[in-house]
Amino acid sequence: MDAYLAGLLYGDGTMNHGKNRAFAVWIDQCNRNKEIAEEASKKFREMELRVYQYGFLDKTRSLVYSKNLYKEFEILRENPVEFFDNLQDKDKWDFISGFFDAEGTVTDRIVIYNSHLKLLEAISEFLSKQGLTCKIYRFGKIFGVQIYRTKSIEIFRKSVRGIKIRKPILRS
């Protein structure tokens, strides 16, 4: 599976094996992040999958039916840390790009939120080895890797190829 798509799906993806025996995998994004759903559709098409992209309420859904992708996503969900640790450095950046598009925010700092502390620790360790200063904080029931030093934000912005990071940083 493409590393960007893996990060995006782990953060925001859904899977379902329905009564009709179809293996569905999809991602929903609010319309202001429609480009992220479009990027998922592009990645699905690169896998030669038929994509169903449609809007509902204030969201855009990118959906595919694929038993193989469903099984890969199932393995990823069972052990995301192992998946991440086995990636090459370039692919780790791609995974972080997708994961950030799913779970990240940009203000005067960069934060990637998730409830899987071990995965955030693996990401934080990788970022530290790349010269970024980051810290994991707890926000209620979830955790966040925060990048707040200007130099670290610059490195992150240059290394991550996701959609959200291309948007300007909002200063508070």
Protein backbone atom coordinates (compact mmCIF):
# COMPACT_ATOMS: atom_id res chain seq x y z
CA MET A 1 0.00 0.00 0.00
CA ASP A 2 1.18 3.52 -0.78
CA ALA A 3 2.62 5.07 2.40
CA TYR A 4 0.67 8.35 2.05
CA LEU A 5 -2.57 6.42 1.61
CA ALA A 6 -1.72 4.19 4.59
CA GLY A 7 -1.26 7.23 6.85
CA LEU A 8 -4.44 8.85 5.56
CA LEU A 9 -6.49 5.68 5.97
CA TYR A 10 -5.11 4.96 9.42
CA GLY A 11 -6.13 8.45 10.51
CA ASP A 12 -9.48 8.89 8.76
CA GLY A 13 -10.26 5.68 6.88
CA THR A 14 -13.15 3.32 7.41
CA MET A 15 -13.65 -0.25 6.31
CA ASN A 16 -16.68 -2.49 6.18
CA HIS A 17 -17.35 -6.06 5.13
CA GLY A 18 -21.05 -5.86 4.44
CA LYS A 19 -23.82 -8.42 4.35
CA ASN A 20 -23.52 -8.34 0.57
CA ARG A 21 -19.96 -9.66 1.06
CA ALA A 22 -18.42 -6.51 -0.42
CA PHE A 23 -15.14 -5.29 1.05
CA ALA A 24 -15.45 -1.50 1.22
CA VAL A 25 -12.76 0.99 2.20
CA TRP A 26 -13.42 4.73 2.26
CA ILE A 27 -12.44 8.09 3.60
CA ASP A 28 -14.74 11.02 4.39
CA GLN A 29 -13.55 14.60 4.49
CA CYS A 30 -15.45 17.79 5.19
CA ASN A 31 -15.83 19.88 2.06
CA ARG A 32 -13.19 22.40 3.14
CA ASN A 33 -10.71 19.47 2.95
CA LYS A 34 -12.16 18.09 -0.29
CA GLU A 35 -8.67 18.04 -1.87
CA ILE A 36 -7.67 15.33 0.63
CA ALA A 37 -10.53 13.08 -0.54
CA GLU A 38 -9.49 13.82 -4.14
CA GLU A 39 -5.90 12.82 -3.31
CA ALA A 40 -7.21 9.56 -1.82
CA SER A 41 -9.18 8.97 -5.05
CA LYS A 42 -6.02 9.56 -7.06
CA LYS A 43 -4.09 7.04 -4.94
CA PHE A 44 -6.91 4.50 -5.29
CA ARG A 45 -6.87 4.95 -9.09
CA GLU A 46 -3.10 4.40 -9.13
CA MET A 47 -3.91 1.01 -7.57
CA GLU A 48 -6.25 0.45 -10.54
CA LEU A 49 -9.33 0.50 -8.33
CA ARG A 50 -12.69 1.89 -9.38
CA VAL A 51 -13.40 4.93 -7.23
CA TYR A 52 -16.79 6.19 -6.14
CA GLN A 53 -16.46 9.80 -5.05
CA TYR A 54 -19.53 11.71 -4.01
CA GLY A 55 -20.71 14.40 -1.66
CA PHE A 56 -23.23 14.16 1.16
CA LEU A 57 -24.16 16.62 3.89
CA ASP A 58 -21.00 18.75 4.21
CA LYS A 59 -18.62 15.93 3.27
CA THR A 60 -16.91 14.26 0.35
CA ARG A 61 -16.48 10.50 0.34
CA SER A 62 -13.92 8.54 -1.66
CA LEU A 63 -14.88 4.85 -1.64
CA VAL A 64 -13.52 1.67 -3.24
CA TYR A 65 -14.44 -1.99 -3.13
CA SER A 66 -11.36 -4.16 -2.82
CA LYS A 67 -10.74 -7.28 -0.77
CA ASN A 68 -6.96 -6.84 -1.09
CA LEU A 69 -6.99 -3.23 0.14
CA TYR A 70 -9.42 -4.19 2.92
CA LYS A 71 -7.01 -6.91 4.11
CA GLU A 72 -4.01 -4.55 3.94
CA PHE A 73 -5.92 -1.91 5.88
CA GLU A 74 -6.93 -4.53 8.45
CA ILE A 75 -3.25 -5.46 8.99
CA LEU A 76 -2.29 -1.79 9.23
CA ARG A 77 -4.97 -1.15 11.86
CA GLU A 78 -3.80 -4.15 13.91
CA ASN A 79 -0.23 -2.89 14.20
CA PRO A 80 0.44 0.59 12.79
CA VAL A 81 3.74 0.90 14.67
CA GLU A 82 5.18 -2.18 12.98
CA PHE A 83 3.97 -0.90 9.61
CA PHE A 84 5.60 2.51 10.23
CA ASP A 85 8.85 1.07 11.60
CA ASN A 86 9.28 -1.14 8.50
CA LEU A 87 9.10 1.81 6.09
CA GLN A 88 12.14 3.43 4.50
CA ASP A 89 12.73 7.06 5.56
CA LYS A 90 11.15 8.53 2.39
CA ASP A 91 8.08 6.36 2.91
CA LYS A 92 7.94 7.37 6.57
CA TRP A 93 7.67 11.00 5.43
CA ASP A 94 4.90 9.97 3.03
CA PHE A 95 3.06 8.11 5.82
CA ILE A 96 3.38 11.18 8.06
CA SER A 97 2.06 13.32 5.18
CA GLY A 98 -1.10 11.22 4.92
CA PHE A 99 -1.46 10.89 8.67
CA PHE A 100 -1.06 14.65 9.06
CA ASP A 101 -3.72 15.28 6.41
CA ALA A 102 -6.04 13.06 8.45
CA GLU A 103 -5.11 14.05 12.00
CA GLY A 104 -3.05 17.22 11.84
CA THR A 105 -3.58 20.90 12.47
CA VAL A 106 -1.52 23.94 11.57
CA THR A 107 -1.63 27.11 13.66
CA ASP A 108 1.42 28.76 15.19
CA ARG A 109 2.53 25.15 15.71
CA ILE A 110 1.97 21.80 14.06
CA VAL A 111 0.13 19.06 15.94
CA ILE A 112 -0.70 15.49 14.91
CA TYR A 113 -3.46 14.08 17.14
CA ASN A 114 -4.32 10.42 17.69
CA SER A 115 -5.21 8.01 20.47
CA HIS A 116 -2.49 5.51 19.50
CA LEU A 117 0.33 6.69 21.77
CA LYS A 118 2.87 4.09 20.54
CA LEU A 119 2.43 5.23 16.92
CA LEU A 120 2.87 8.86 17.93
CA GLU A 121 6.00 7.88 19.87
CA ALA A 122 7.40 6.14 16.77
CA ILE A 123 6.64 9.21 14.65
CA SER A 124 8.14 11.52 17.28
CA GLU A 125 11.30 9.41 17.44
CA PHE A 126 11.65 9.50 13.64
CA LEU A 127 11.10 13.27 13.55
CA SER A 128 13.71 13.77 16.28
CA LYS A 129 16.24 11.75 14.26
CA GLN A 130 15.50 14.11 11.35
CA GLY A 131 16.46 17.11 13.49
CA LEU A 132 13.00 18.27 14.57
CA THR A 133 12.18 19.23 18.13
CA CYS A 134 8.81 17.78 19.10
CA LYS A 135 6.98 16.76 22.22
CA ILE A 136 4.03 14.49 22.91
CA TYR A 137 1.23 15.97 24.99
CA ARG A 138 -1.99 14.51 26.30
CA PHE A 139 -5.25 16.22 25.32
CA GLY A 140 -7.98 14.48 27.30
CA LYS A 141 -8.23 10.95 25.92
CA ILE A 142 -5.99 11.59 22.92
CA PHE A 143 -2.37 12.54 22.42
CA GLY A 144 -0.62 14.93 20.11
CA VAL A 145 2.87 15.30 18.71
CA GLN A 146 3.56 19.04 18.81
CA ILE A 147 6.16 20.76 16.69
CA TYR A 148 6.53 24.35 17.78
CA ARG A 149 10.06 25.60 17.15
CA THR A 150 10.38 27.69 14.00
CA LYS A 151 13.29 25.66 12.59
CA SER A 152 11.43 22.37 13.21
CA ILE A 153 8.27 23.73 11.56
CA GLU A 154 10.34 24.74 8.52
CA ILE A 155 11.88 21.25 8.24
CA PHE A 156 8.45 19.64 8.62
CA ARG A 157 6.89 21.90 5.97
CA LYS A 158 9.72 21.10 3.51
CA SER A 159 9.60 17.35 4.15
CA VAL A 160 5.86 16.67 4.25
CA ARG A 161 4.04 16.60 0.91
CA GLY A 162 0.47 16.54 2.19
CA ILE A 163 -2.43 18.85 1.41
CA LYS A 164 -2.91 20.58 4.79
CA ILE A 165 0.72 21.59 5.16
CA ARG A 166 0.55 23.65 1.95
CA LYS A 167 -1.96 25.98 3.58
CA PRO A 168 -0.51 29.08 5.30
CA ILE A 169 0.26 28.92 9.01
CA LEU A 170 -2.21 30.92 11.10
CA ARG A 171 -0.58 32.94 13.85
CA SER A 172 -2.58 33.26 17.06
